[in-house]
Protein backbone atom coordinates (compact mmCIF):
# COMPACT_ATOMS: atom_id res chain seq x y z
CA MET A 1 -18.34 10.08 -15.99
CA LYS A 2 -14.74 9.55 -15.04
CA GLN A 3 -12.51 12.54 -15.57
CA SER A 4 -9.69 11.65 -17.96
CA ARG A 5 -7.59 14.79 -17.54
CA LYS A 6 -6.93 14.55 -13.81
CA ARG A 7 -6.60 11.49 -11.62
CA THR A 8 -9.54 11.58 -9.21
CA VAL A 9 -10.12 9.82 -5.89
CA GLY A 10 -13.08 9.45 -3.55
CA ILE A 11 -12.58 8.93 0.18
CA VAL A 12 -15.65 7.77 2.12
CA GLN A 13 -16.51 5.77 5.22
CA SER A 14 -17.74 2.28 4.45
CA ASN A 15 -21.51 1.73 4.55
CA TYR A 16 -23.59 -1.42 4.73
CA LEU A 17 -25.32 -2.10 1.40
CA PRO A 18 -25.47 1.64 0.58
CA TRP A 19 -27.76 3.39 -1.88
CA ARG A 20 -26.96 3.81 -5.58
CA GLY A 21 -25.43 7.27 -5.14
CA TYR A 22 -22.59 5.66 -3.18
CA PHE A 23 -21.86 3.35 -6.10
CA ASP A 24 -22.17 6.23 -8.56
CA LEU A 25 -19.40 7.98 -6.63
CA ILE A 26 -17.24 4.84 -6.80
CA ARG A 27 -17.90 4.63 -10.54
CA SER A 28 -16.96 8.29 -11.00
CA VAL A 29 -13.40 8.12 -9.63
CA ASP A 30 -10.12 6.46 -10.55
CA GLU A 31 -9.61 5.05 -7.05
CA PHE A 32 -11.95 4.74 -4.08
CA LEU A 33 -10.57 4.77 -0.54
CA LEU A 34 -12.49 3.53 2.49
CA PHE A 35 -11.98 5.97 5.34
CA ASP A 36 -12.63 3.55 8.20
CA ILE A 37 -10.07 4.87 10.69
CA VAL A 38 -12.57 7.50 11.85
CA GLN A 39 -14.92 7.04 14.80
CA TYR A 40 -17.84 4.67 14.41
CA THR A 41 -21.10 6.60 14.71
CA ARG A 42 -24.27 5.04 16.07
CA ARG A 43 -27.59 5.12 14.23
CA ASP A 44 -25.78 5.86 11.00
CA TRP A 45 -25.21 4.05 7.69
CA ARG A 46 -22.13 2.06 8.76
CA ASN A 47 -24.05 -1.02 9.89
CA ARG A 48 -27.57 -0.59 8.53
CA ASN A 49 -29.66 0.40 5.53
CA ARG A 50 -33.24 0.64 4.36
CA ILE A 51 -35.34 -1.79 2.37
CA LYS A 52 -38.96 -1.59 1.24
CA THR A 53 -41.77 -3.59 2.83
CA PRO A 54 -45.59 -3.68 2.41
CA THR A 55 -45.87 -1.25 5.33
CA GLY A 56 -43.14 1.16 4.25
CA SER A 57 -39.39 1.33 4.51
CA ALA A 58 -37.61 -0.66 7.24
CA TRP A 59 -34.07 -0.93 8.55
CA ILE A 60 -31.91 -4.03 8.30
CA THR A 61 -29.09 -3.67 10.83
CA ILE A 62 -25.92 -5.56 11.67
CA PRO A 63 -25.70 -5.60 15.48
CA VAL A 64 -22.30 -4.37 16.68
CA GLU A 65 -20.46 -4.16 19.99
CA VAL A 66 -20.66 -0.60 21.30
CA LYS A 67 -20.90 -0.78 25.10
CA GLY A 68 -17.89 0.94 26.60
CA LYS A 69 -16.41 1.54 23.12
CA TYR A 70 -17.48 5.09 22.51
CA HIS A 71 -14.34 6.11 20.63
CA GLN A 72 -13.74 2.99 18.55
CA ALA A 73 -12.98 3.40 14.86
CA ILE A 74 -15.15 1.83 12.18
CA ASP A 75 -12.41 -0.69 11.38
CA GLU A 76 -12.21 -1.63 15.08
CA THR A 77 -15.95 -2.30 15.42
CA TYR A 78 -16.90 -5.93 16.02
CA ILE A 79 -20.14 -7.59 15.00
CA ALA A 80 -22.15 -8.74 18.01
CA ASP A 81 -24.18 -11.59 16.51
CA PRO A 82 -23.32 -13.73 13.45
CA ALA A 83 -27.03 -14.44 13.00
CA TRP A 84 -27.32 -11.04 11.31
CA ALA A 85 -26.80 -12.61 7.87
CA ALA A 86 -29.53 -15.22 8.24
CA ASN A 87 -31.89 -12.58 9.62
CA HIS A 88 -31.27 -10.26 6.69
CA ILE A 89 -31.68 -13.06 4.17
CA ARG A 90 -35.07 -13.89 5.70
CA ALA A 91 -36.14 -10.25 5.65
CA LEU A 92 -35.12 -9.83 2.02
CA GLU A 93 -36.80 -13.04 0.95
CA LEU A 94 -40.03 -12.09 2.73
CA ASN A 95 -40.18 -8.60 1.21
CA TYR A 96 -38.66 -9.11 -2.24
CA GLN A 97 -39.73 -12.56 -3.40
CA ARG A 98 -42.17 -10.89 -5.82
CA ALA A 99 -39.51 -8.52 -7.23
CA ALA A 100 -38.91 -8.80 -10.97
CA ALA A 101 -35.25 -9.84 -10.70
CA PHE A 102 -35.46 -11.80 -7.44
CA ASP A 103 -34.73 -15.19 -9.04
CA ASP A 104 -31.71 -13.78 -10.85
CA VAL A 105 -30.15 -11.74 -8.03
CA ALA A 106 -31.21 -13.33 -4.75
CA PRO A 107 -29.19 -16.59 -4.99
CA TRP A 108 -25.96 -14.65 -5.54
CA LEU A 109 -26.77 -12.03 -2.89
CA PHE A 110 -27.88 -14.53 -0.25
CA ALA A 111 -24.80 -16.70 -0.82
CA ARG A 112 -22.55 -13.65 -0.40
CA LEU A 113 -24.26 -12.63 2.84
CA ALA A 114 -24.02 -16.17 4.20
CA GLU A 115 -20.31 -16.32 3.37
CA LEU A 116 -19.71 -13.23 5.48
CA ALA A 117 -21.77 -14.30 8.49
CA ASP A 118 -18.74 -15.31 10.56
CA GLU A 119 -16.58 -12.30 9.69
CA PRO A 120 -16.02 -10.54 13.04
CA LEU A 121 -15.30 -7.00 11.83
CA LEU A 122 -17.94 -4.68 10.38
CA SER A 123 -15.50 -2.87 8.09
CA ARG A 124 -14.45 -6.10 6.41
CA VAL A 125 -18.06 -7.12 5.81
CA ASN A 126 -18.79 -3.72 4.28
CA GLU A 127 -15.69 -3.79 2.10
CA ALA A 128 -16.38 -7.30 0.83
CA LEU A 129 -19.97 -6.42 -0.09
CA LEU A 130 -18.95 -3.16 -1.74
CA ARG A 131 -16.45 -5.00 -3.92
CA SER A 132 -18.92 -7.74 -4.84
CA ILE A 133 -21.76 -5.36 -5.67
CA ALA A 134 -19.48 -3.03 -7.63
CA GLU A 135 -18.38 -5.98 -9.74
CA LYS A 136 -22.02 -6.91 -10.39
CA LEU A 137 -22.67 -3.33 -11.48
CA ASN A 138 -19.71 -3.44 -13.91
CA ILE A 139 -17.78 -0.90 -11.85
CA VAL A 140 -14.04 -1.49 -12.19
CA THR A 141 -12.73 1.23 -9.86
CA PRO A 142 -10.09 -0.12 -7.42
CA ILE A 143 -11.29 -0.07 -3.80
CA ARG A 144 -8.78 0.10 -0.94
CA GLN A 145 -8.62 0.97 2.72
CA CYS A 146 -6.92 4.28 3.49
CA THR A 147 -4.48 2.38 5.72
CA ASP A 148 -3.13 0.73 2.57
CA LEU A 149 -1.64 4.14 1.72
CA LEU A 150 -0.86 5.79 5.07
CA SER A 151 -0.49 4.49 8.61
CA ARG A 152 -3.31 5.21 11.03
CA GLU A 153 -0.72 6.67 13.45
CA LYS A 154 0.37 9.25 10.88
CA MET A 155 -3.22 10.11 9.97
CA ALA A 156 -4.19 10.47 13.63
CA GLU A 157 -1.78 13.41 13.92
CA MET A 158 -3.52 15.36 11.15
CA GLU A 159 -6.55 17.60 10.98
CA PRO A 160 -9.52 16.21 8.93
CA SER A 161 -8.77 18.10 5.71
CA GLU A 162 -5.05 17.45 6.06
CA ARG A 163 -5.73 13.71 6.22
CA LEU A 164 -7.77 13.82 3.04
CA ILE A 165 -5.11 15.84 1.24
CA ALA A 166 -2.38 13.44 2.38
CA LEU A 167 -4.40 10.50 1.08
CA CYS A 168 -4.97 12.24 -2.26
CA GLN A 169 -1.24 12.85 -2.52
CA ALA A 170 -0.43 9.25 -1.58
CA ALA A 171 -2.82 8.11 -4.33
CA ASN A 172 -1.18 10.50 -6.84
CA ALA A 173 -4.50 12.27 -7.30
CA GLU A 174 -5.00 15.80 -8.58
CA ARG A 175 -8.72 15.90 -7.93
CA TYR A 176 -10.87 14.94 -4.93
CA LEU A 177 -14.53 14.07 -5.49
CA SER A 178 -16.54 14.65 -2.33
CA GLY A 179 -20.12 14.14 -1.25
CA PRO A 180 -22.05 17.41 -0.80
CA ALA A 181 -22.41 17.01 2.98
CA ALA A 182 -18.68 17.72 3.38
CA ARG A 183 -19.19 21.35 2.33
CA ASN A 184 -19.82 22.05 6.03
CA TYR A 185 -16.29 21.18 7.10
CA LEU A 186 -13.95 20.72 4.14
CA ASN A 187 -11.13 23.27 3.99
CA GLU A 188 -11.18 23.99 0.26
CA PRO A 189 -8.45 26.68 0.37
CA LEU A 190 -6.07 24.16 1.94
CA PHE A 191 -6.81 21.74 -0.91
CA ARG A 192 -6.09 24.47 -3.46
CA GLU A 193 -2.82 25.34 -1.73
CA SER A 194 -1.86 21.67 -2.00
CA GLY A 195 -2.61 21.61 -5.74
CA ILE A 196 -5.70 19.40 -5.42
CA GLU A 197 -8.98 20.40 -7.02
CA VAL A 198 -12.17 19.71 -5.05
CA VAL A 199 -15.28 18.72 -7.02
CA TRP A 200 -18.69 17.95 -5.57
CA MET A 201 -20.80 14.90 -6.29
CA ASP A 202 -24.24 15.60 -7.72
CA TYR A 203 -26.80 13.03 -6.62
CA SER A 204 -29.74 14.56 -8.47
CA GLY A 205 -31.47 13.19 -11.53
CA TYR A 206 -31.37 9.44 -10.93
CA PRO A 207 -34.17 7.81 -12.94
CA GLU A 208 -37.01 6.09 -11.15
CA TYR A 209 -37.45 2.34 -11.51
CA ARG A 210 -40.30 0.00 -10.79
CA GLN A 211 -40.48 -0.95 -7.10
CA LEU A 212 -42.78 -3.11 -5.03
CA TRP A 213 -45.09 -1.77 -2.36
CA GLY A 214 -46.53 1.61 -3.20
CA PRO A 215 -45.00 4.98 -4.09
CA TYR A 216 -41.43 5.18 -5.34
CA ASP A 217 -38.77 5.71 -2.65
CA PRO A 218 -35.35 6.86 -3.94
CA ASN A 219 -33.50 6.46 -0.64
CA LEU A 220 -33.16 2.70 -0.34
CA SER A 221 -30.27 0.25 -0.33
CA ILE A 222 -28.70 -0.68 -3.66
CA ILE A 223 -30.19 -4.15 -3.22
CA ASP A 224 -33.68 -2.73 -3.79
CA LEU A 225 -32.52 -1.52 -7.20
CA MET A 226 -30.78 -4.81 -7.99
CA LEU A 227 -33.65 -7.08 -6.92
CA ASN A 228 -36.15 -5.02 -8.88
CA THR A 229 -34.15 -4.35 -12.07
CA GLY A 230 -31.52 -7.10 -12.31
CA LYS A 231 -29.06 -6.56 -15.17
CA ASP A 232 -30.51 -3.09 -15.81
CA ALA A 233 -29.20 -1.92 -12.41
CA ALA A 234 -25.76 -1.17 -13.86
CA LYS A 235 -27.28 1.33 -16.29
CA LEU A 236 -29.29 3.01 -13.52
CA VAL A 237 -26.27 3.81 -11.32
CA ALA A 238 -25.46 7.06 -13.08
């Protein structure tokens, strides 16, 4: 649930069609900032996610330009082939046409993917899909890029925790909600000194839902949830 006593923000790198925990985090804050000025990482969640098939989980991936661009930021990463959208639509149709909510969700989802096929930048595709899916899930949290609040030049001069603190301050936030993986590097004392409380997202306890193709897999793209549960998906992102 959203915290009413303190204004809370989340600051996360954009992902392609992420899992429901990502949308739960968006739902749980007052403002969600996309942290796409940081380095693009290969074989990560920025440009790919997992769907379910008759033979197990499989990746759907947006091909991006990486040769000779080892230090490029996420928001500087270009898509290599606009055919990605058509390929993903075909893969989803093949593997989800028997899903309970396919007829309700697929036309909207496929139209949105097709609309973004010619967008050259990965970050913009991710942001557009995050906004559209959040709206479908009845999530009203504002979503912005971190560069809407601070310049990338100013942020480049800061240490990782300093950047996050500066963004919290720019968003007038008193609380920062972080994913648990950040425990390895987040400087919590520095947050406390800056008057910002750090709280940790809990991804446990999500209810199972009926899936196609064998045993339940909790670690799939949000579109697996939406295509299988339709309007009930909004209630299951919590």
